[in-house]
PDB file of N, CA and C in Angstrom:
ATOM      1  N   MET A   1      17.450  15.603   6.909  1.00  0.00           N
ATOM      2  CA  MET A   1      16.050  15.315   6.801  1.00  0.00           C
ATOM      3  C   MET A   1      15.825  13.858   7.202  1.00  0.00           C
ATOM      4  N   SER A   2      14.849  13.632   8.013  1.00  0.00           N
ATOM      5  CA  SER A   2      14.600  12.264   8.454  1.00  0.00           C
ATOM      6  C   SER A   2      13.135  11.909   8.248  1.00  0.00           C
ATOM      7  N   THR A   3      12.885  10.633   8.154  1.00  0.00           N
ATOM      8  CA  THR A   3      11.529  10.127   8.028  1.00  0.00           C
ATOM      9  C   THR A   3      11.107   9.579   9.375  1.00  0.00           C
ATOM     10  N   ARG A   4       9.985  10.045   9.860  1.00  0.00           N
ATOM     11  CA  ARG A   4       9.480   9.564  11.147  1.00  0.00           C
ATOM     12  C   ARG A   4       8.329   8.609  10.913  1.00  0.00           C
ATOM     13  N   SER A   5       8.304   7.577  11.695  1.00  0.00           N
ATOM     14  CA  SER A   5       7.210   6.628  11.620  1.00  0.00           C
ATOM     15  C   SER A   5       5.951   7.277  12.188  1.00  0.00           C
ATOM     16  N   PRO A   6       4.805   7.113  11.514  1.00  0.00           N
ATOM     17  CA  PRO A   6       3.577   7.674  12.064  1.00  0.00           C
ATOM     18  C   PRO A   6       3.142   6.957  13.346  1.00  0.00           C
ATOM     19  N   CYS A   7       3.791   5.857  13.675  1.00  0.00           N
ATOM     20  CA  CYS A   7       3.445   5.108  14.877  1.00  0.00           C
ATOM     21  C   CYS A   7       4.288   5.512  16.073  1.00  0.00           C
ATOM     22  N   ARG A   8       5.154   6.486  15.914  1.00  0.00           N
ATOM     23  CA  ARG A   8       6.026   6.918  17.015  1.00  0.00           C
ATOM     24  C   ARG A   8       5.817   8.397  17.323  1.00  0.00           C
ATOM     25  N   TRP A   9       4.634   8.732  17.725  1.00  0.00           N
ATOM     26  CA  TRP A   9       4.338  10.102  18.114  1.00  0.00           C
ATOM     27  C   TRP A   9       4.888  10.342  19.506  1.00  0.00           C
ATOM     28  N   PRO A  10       5.594  11.437  19.719  1.00  0.00           N
ATOM     29  CA  PRO A  10       6.172  11.685  21.040  1.00  0.00           C
ATOM     30  C   PRO A  10       5.092  11.940  22.085  1.00  0.00           C
ATOM     31  N   GLY A  11       5.244  11.286  23.212  1.00  0.00           N
ATOM     32  CA  GLY A  11       4.368  11.553  24.346  1.00  0.00           C
ATOM     33  C   GLY A  11       3.014  10.872  24.325  1.00  0.00           C
ATOM     34  N   SER A  12       2.737  10.055  23.326  1.00  0.00           N
ATOM     35  CA  SER A  12       1.431   9.396  23.315  1.00  0.00           C
ATOM     36  C   SER A  12       1.521   8.078  22.553  1.00  0.00           C
ATOM     37  N   THR A  13       0.528   7.263  22.755  1.00  0.00           N
ATOM     38  CA  THR A  13       0.427   6.000  22.042  1.00  0.00           C
ATOM     39  C   THR A  13      -0.559   6.200  20.898  1.00  0.00           C
ATOM     40  N   PRO A  14      -0.148   5.941  19.675  1.00  0.00           N
ATOM     41  CA  PRO A  14      -1.058   6.159  18.548  1.00  0.00           C
ATOM     42  C   PRO A  14      -2.163   5.107  18.528  1.00  0.00           C
ATOM     43  N   PRO A  15      -3.297   5.442  17.967  1.00  0.00           N
ATOM     44  CA  PRO A  15      -4.359   4.438  17.846  1.00  0.00           C
ATOM     45  C   PRO A  15      -3.949   3.324  16.889  1.00  0.00           C
ATOM     46  N   THR A  16      -4.514   2.161  17.089  1.00  0.00           N
ATOM     47  CA  THR A  16      -4.194   1.006  16.264  1.00  0.00           C
ATOM     48  C   THR A  16      -4.533   1.269  14.800  1.00  0.00           C
ATOM     49  N   GLY A  17      -5.598   2.007  14.561  1.00  0.00           N
ATOM     50  CA  GLY A  17      -6.007   2.304  13.194  1.00  0.00           C
ATOM     51  C   GLY A  17      -4.949   3.071  12.420  1.00  0.00           C
ATOM     52  N   LEU A  18      -4.206   3.929  13.108  1.00  0.00           N
ATOM     53  CA  LEU A  18      -3.153   4.690  12.449  1.00  0.00           C
ATOM     54  C   LEU A  18      -2.049   3.772  11.954  1.00  0.00           C
ATOM     55  N   ALA A  19      -1.685   2.810  12.762  1.00  0.00           N
ATOM     56  CA  ALA A  19      -0.660   1.844  12.354  1.00  0.00           C
ATOM     57  C   ALA A  19      -1.146   1.021  11.157  1.00  0.00           C
ATOM     58  N   ALA A  20      -2.405   0.614  11.184  1.00  0.00           N
ATOM     59  CA  ALA A  20      -2.957  -0.165  10.074  1.00  0.00           C
ATOM     60  C   ALA A  20      -2.986   0.662   8.789  1.00  0.00           C
ATOM     61  N   GLN A  21      -3.321   1.938   8.892  1.00  0.00           N
ATOM     62  CA  GLN A  21      -3.338   2.808   7.713  1.00  0.00           C
ATOM     63  C   GLN A  21      -1.931   2.995   7.157  1.00  0.00           C
ATOM     64  N   ALA A  22      -0.951   3.137   8.039  1.00  0.00           N
ATOM     65  CA  ALA A  22       0.433   3.305   7.592  1.00  0.00           C
ATOM     66  C   ALA A  22       0.921   2.051   6.858  1.00  0.00           C
ATOM     67  N   ILE A  23       0.584   0.898   7.377  1.00  0.00           N
ATOM     68  CA  ILE A  23       0.984  -0.365   6.734  1.00  0.00           C
ATOM     69  C   ILE A  23       0.287  -0.510   5.392  1.00  0.00           C
ATOM     70  N   LEU A  24      -0.998  -0.191   5.343  1.00  0.00           N
ATOM     71  CA  LEU A  24      -1.745  -0.294   4.095  1.00  0.00           C
ATOM     72  C   LEU A  24      -1.201   0.658   3.041  1.00  0.00           C
ATOM     73  N   LEU A  25      -0.813   1.855   3.446  1.00  0.00           N
ATOM     74  CA  LEU A  25      -0.220   2.806   2.515  1.00  0.00           C
ATOM     75  C   LEU A  25       1.109   2.269   1.971  1.00  0.00           C
ATOM     76  N   ALA A  26       1.926   1.709   2.848  1.00  0.00           N
ATOM     77  CA  ALA A  26       3.205   1.142   2.408  1.00  0.00           C
ATOM     78  C   ALA A  26       2.995  -0.011   1.435  1.00  0.00           C
ATOM     79  N   VAL A  27       2.020  -0.859   1.714  1.00  0.00           N
ATOM     80  CA  VAL A  27       1.722  -1.985   0.821  1.00  0.00           C
ATOM     81  C   VAL A  27       1.247  -1.476  -0.542  1.00  0.00           C
ATOM     82  N   ALA A  28       0.387  -0.462  -0.542  1.00  0.00           N
ATOM     83  CA  ALA A  28      -0.138   0.076  -1.798  1.00  0.00           C
ATOM     84  C   ALA A  28       0.975   0.689  -2.650  1.00  0.00           C
ATOM     85  N   VAL A  29       1.852   1.454  -2.016  1.00  0.00           N
ATOM     86  CA  VAL A  29       2.952   2.081  -2.757  1.00  0.00           C
ATOM     87  C   VAL A  29       3.915   1.022  -3.288  1.00  0.00           C
ATOM     88  N   ASN A  30       4.241   0.043  -2.468  1.00  0.00           N
ATOM     89  CA  ASN A  30       5.150  -1.022  -2.888  1.00  0.00           C
ATOM     90  C   ASN A  30       4.543  -1.823  -4.037  1.00  0.00           C
ATOM     91  N   THR A  31       3.278  -2.162  -3.925  1.00  0.00           N
ATOM     92  CA  THR A  31       2.612  -2.934  -4.969  1.00  0.00           C
ATOM     93  C   THR A  31       2.533  -2.147  -6.268  1.00  0.00           C
ATOM     94  N   GLY A  32       2.215  -0.866  -6.179  1.00  0.00           N
ATOM     95  CA  GLY A  32       2.150  -0.033  -7.377  1.00  0.00           C
ATOM     96  C   GLY A  32       3.493   0.104  -8.063  1.00  0.00           C
ATOM     97  N   SER A  33       4.538   0.275  -7.274  1.00  0.00           N
ATOM     98  CA  SER A  33       5.864   0.412  -7.888  1.00  0.00           C
ATOM     99  C   SER A  33       6.307  -0.890  -8.546  1.00  0.00           C
ATOM    100  N   LYS A  34       5.983  -2.009  -7.950  1.00  0.00           N
ATOM    101  CA  LYS A  34       6.343  -3.288  -8.561  1.00  0.00           C
ATOM    102  C   LYS A  34       5.538  -3.543  -9.832  1.00  0.00           C
ATOM    103  N   ALA A  35       4.295  -3.097  -9.863  1.00  0.00           N
ATOM    104  CA  ALA A  35       3.497  -3.234 -11.083  1.00  0.00           C
ATOM    105  C   ALA A  35       4.102  -2.377 -12.204  1.00  0.00           C
ATOM    106  N   CYS A  36       4.557  -1.185 -11.857  1.00  0.00           N
ATOM    107  CA  CYS A  36       5.213  -0.323 -12.855  1.00  0.00           C
ATOM    108  C   CYS A  36       6.496  -0.967 -13.372  1.00  0.00           C
ATOM    109  N   LEU A  37       7.268  -1.542 -12.481  1.00  0.00           N
ATOM    110  CA  LEU A  37       8.492  -2.226 -12.906  1.00  0.00           C
ATOM    111  C   LEU A  37       8.185  -3.416 -13.813  1.00  0.00           C
ATOM    112  N   ALA A  38       7.118  -4.142 -13.499  1.00  0.00           N
ATOM    113  CA  ALA A  38       6.740  -5.283 -14.339  1.00  0.00           C
ATOM    114  C   ALA A  38       6.377  -4.814 -15.737  1.00  0.00           C
ATOM    115  N   GLY A  39       5.692  -3.677 -15.829  1.00  0.00           N
ATOM    116  CA  GLY A  39       5.356  -3.132 -17.137  1.00  0.00           C
ATOM    117  C   GLY A  39       6.574  -2.655 -17.892  1.00  0.00           C
ATOM    118  N   TRP A  40       7.507  -2.092 -17.186  1.00  0.00           N
ATOM    119  CA  TRP A  40       8.727  -1.594 -17.815  1.00  0.00           C
ATOM    120  C   TRP A  40       9.583  -2.747 -18.336  1.00  0.00           C
ATOM    121  N   VAL A  41       9.705  -3.786 -17.535  1.00  0.00           N
ATOM    122  CA  VAL A  41      10.551  -4.917 -17.906  1.00  0.00           C
ATOM    123  C   VAL A  41       9.835  -5.853 -18.877  1.00  0.00           C
ATOM    124  N   GLY A  42       8.550  -6.128 -18.614  1.00  0.00           N
ATOM    125  CA  GLY A  42       7.837  -7.131 -19.398  1.00  0.00           C
ATOM    126  C   GLY A  42       7.027  -6.604 -20.561  1.00  0.00           C
ATOM    127  N   GLY A  43       6.883  -5.303 -20.676  1.00  0.00           N
ATOM    128  CA  GLY A  43       6.107  -4.744 -21.773  1.00  0.00           C
ATOM    129  C   GLY A  43       4.700  -4.361 -21.345  1.00  0.00           C
ATOM    130  N   ARG A  44       4.002  -3.745 -22.279  1.00  0.00           N
ATOM    131  CA  ARG A  44       2.674  -3.193 -21.988  1.00  0.00           C
ATOM    132  C   ARG A  44       1.665  -4.253 -21.525  1.00  0.00           C
ATOM    133  N   ALA A  45       1.616  -5.384 -22.196  1.00  0.00           N
ATOM    134  CA  ALA A  45       0.625  -6.409 -21.858  1.00  0.00           C
ATOM    135  C   ALA A  45       0.837  -6.936 -20.434  1.00  0.00           C
ATOM    136  N   ILE A  46       2.069  -7.241 -20.106  1.00  0.00           N
ATOM    137  CA  ILE A  46       2.375  -7.728 -18.755  1.00  0.00           C
ATOM    138  C   ILE A  46       2.101  -6.625 -17.735  1.00  0.00           C
ATOM    139  N   GLY A  47       2.468  -5.397 -18.068  1.00  0.00           N
ATOM    140  CA  GLY A  47       2.238  -4.280 -17.164  1.00  0.00           C
ATOM    141  C   GLY A  47       0.767  -4.057 -16.866  1.00  0.00           C
ATOM    142  N   LEU A  48      -0.069  -4.140 -17.900  1.00  0.00           N
ATOM    143  CA  LEU A  48      -1.506  -3.956 -17.695  1.00  0.00           C
ATOM    144  C   LEU A  48      -2.099  -5.081 -16.842  1.00  0.00           C
ATOM    145  N   ARG A  49      -1.696  -6.312 -17.112  1.00  0.00           N
ATOM    146  CA  ARG A  49      -2.204  -7.437 -16.307  1.00  0.00           C
ATOM    147  C   ARG A  49      -1.755  -7.327 -14.861  1.00  0.00           C
ATOM    148  N   THR A  50      -0.488  -7.029 -14.671  1.00  0.00           N
ATOM    149  CA  THR A  50       0.046  -6.905 -13.319  1.00  0.00           C
ATOM    150  C   THR A  50      -0.586  -5.715 -12.598  1.00  0.00           C
ATOM    151  N   GLY A  51      -0.736  -4.607 -13.316  1.00  0.00           N
ATOM    152  CA  GLY A  51      -1.348  -3.427 -12.723  1.00  0.00           C
ATOM    153  C   GLY A  51      -2.790  -3.667 -12.309  1.00  0.00           C
ATOM    154  N   LEU A  52      -3.555  -4.349 -13.158  1.00  0.00           N
ATOM    155  CA  LEU A  52      -4.947  -4.657 -12.822  1.00  0.00           C
ATOM    156  C   LEU A  52      -5.030  -5.577 -11.608  1.00  0.00           C
ATOM    157  N   ALA A  53      -4.228  -6.627 -11.603  1.00  0.00           N
ATOM    158  CA  ALA A  53      -4.232  -7.551 -10.463  1.00  0.00           C
ATOM    159  C   ALA A  53      -3.801  -6.832  -9.188  1.00  0.00           C
ATOM    160  N   SER A  54      -2.819  -5.968  -9.292  1.00  0.00           N
ATOM    161  CA  SER A  54      -2.345  -5.221  -8.125  1.00  0.00           C
ATOM    162  C   SER A  54      -3.406  -4.256  -7.623  1.00  0.00           C
ATOM    163  N   ALA A  55      -4.072  -3.571  -8.546  1.00  0.00           N
ATOM    164  CA  ALA A  55      -5.133  -2.643  -8.147  1.00  0.00           C
ATOM    165  C   ALA A  55      -6.272  -3.377  -7.455  1.00  0.00           C
ATOM    166  N   LEU A  56      -6.627  -4.543  -7.957  1.00  0.00           N
ATOM    167  CA  LEU A  56      -7.681  -5.331  -7.316  1.00  0.00           C
ATOM    168  C   LEU A  56      -7.260  -5.797  -5.924  1.00  0.00           C
ATOM    169  N   ALA A  57      -6.011  -6.189  -5.777  1.00  0.00           N
ATOM    170  CA  ALA A  57      -5.518  -6.638  -4.471  1.00  0.00           C
ATOM    171  C   ALA A  57      -5.513  -5.493  -3.463  1.00  0.00           C
ATOM    172  N   VAL A  58      -5.072  -4.309  -3.877  1.00  0.00           N
ATOM    173  CA  VAL A  58      -5.056  -3.164  -2.970  1.00  0.00           C
ATOM    174  C   VAL A  58      -6.484  -2.740  -2.631  1.00  0.00           C
ATOM    175  N   ALA A  59      -7.380  -2.769  -3.616  1.00  0.00           N
ATOM    176  CA  ALA A  59      -8.779  -2.426  -3.356  1.00  0.00           C
ATOM    177  C   ALA A  59      -9.411  -3.407  -2.371  1.00  0.00           C
ATOM    178  N   ALA A  60      -9.095  -4.681  -2.506  1.00  0.00           N
ATOM    179  CA  ALA A  60      -9.615  -5.683  -1.564  1.00  0.00           C
ATOM    180  C   ALA A  60      -9.073  -5.439  -0.154  1.00  0.00           C
ATOM    181  N   ALA A  61      -7.811  -5.065  -0.056  1.00  0.00           N
ATOM    182  CA  ALA A  61      -7.235  -4.776   1.256  1.00  0.00           C
ATOM    183  C   ALA A  61      -7.887  -3.539   1.875  1.00  0.00           C
ATOM    184  N   LEU A  62      -8.126  -2.514   1.074  1.00  0.00           N
ATOM    185  CA  LEU A  62      -8.815  -1.318   1.574  1.00  0.00           C
ATOM    186  C   LEU A  62     -10.227  -1.653   2.035  1.00  0.00           C
ATOM    187  N   LEU A  63     -10.918  -2.438   1.240  1.00  0.00           N
ATOM    188  CA  LEU A  63     -12.292  -2.844   1.601  1.00  0.00           C
ATOM    189  C   LEU A  63     -12.296  -3.641   2.910  1.00  0.00           C
ATOM    190  N   ALA A  64     -11.373  -4.574   3.034  1.00  0.00           N
ATOM    191  CA  ALA A  64     -11.291  -5.373   4.258  1.00  0.00           C
ATOM    192  C   ALA A  64     -10.968  -4.525   5.457  1.00  0.00           C
ATOM    193  N   ARG A  65     -10.060  -3.561   5.269  1.00  0.00           N
ATOM    194  CA  ARG A  65      -9.661  -2.674   6.375  1.00  0.00           C
ATOM    195  C   ARG A  65     -10.833  -1.842   6.884  1.00  0.00           C
ATOM    196  N   TYR A  66     -11.573  -1.250   5.967  1.00  0.00           N
ATOM    197  CA  TYR A  66     -12.657  -0.379   6.386  1.00  0.00           C
ATOM    198  C   TYR A  66     -13.925  -1.131   6.735  1.00  0.00           C
ATOM    199  N   TRP A  67     -14.080  -2.333   6.214  1.00  0.00           N
ATOM    200  CA  TRP A  67     -15.222  -3.147   6.592  1.00  0.00           C
ATOM    201  C   TRP A  67     -15.041  -3.678   8.012  1.00  0.00           C
ATOM    202  N   ALA A  68     -13.797  -3.994   8.366  1.00  0.00           N
ATOM    203  CA  ALA A  68     -13.502  -4.498   9.710  1.00  0.00           C
ATOM    204  C   ALA A  68     -13.592  -3.396  10.768  1.00  0.00           C
ATOM    205  N   GLY A  69     -13.531  -2.179  10.329  1.00  0.00           N
ATOM    206  CA  GLY A  69     -13.678  -1.074  11.274  1.00  0.00           C
ATOM    207  C   GLY A  69     -12.407  -0.510  11.651  1.00  0.00           C
TER     208      GLY A  69
END
């Protein structure tokens, strides 16, 4: 089983928006997992603060992405 990059479609060049969406998805997943780890290691209070800050950062990135077009 292999993972294929969404930016490497055979026989065509993907639109720039697809690459941006793939990067944004990777950032969101990475940020969410790190927030979960912070909560696990640092306790509930740290986890909630980190999770809130991470959610706001991802929401700002989504807003910027779709506002820019």
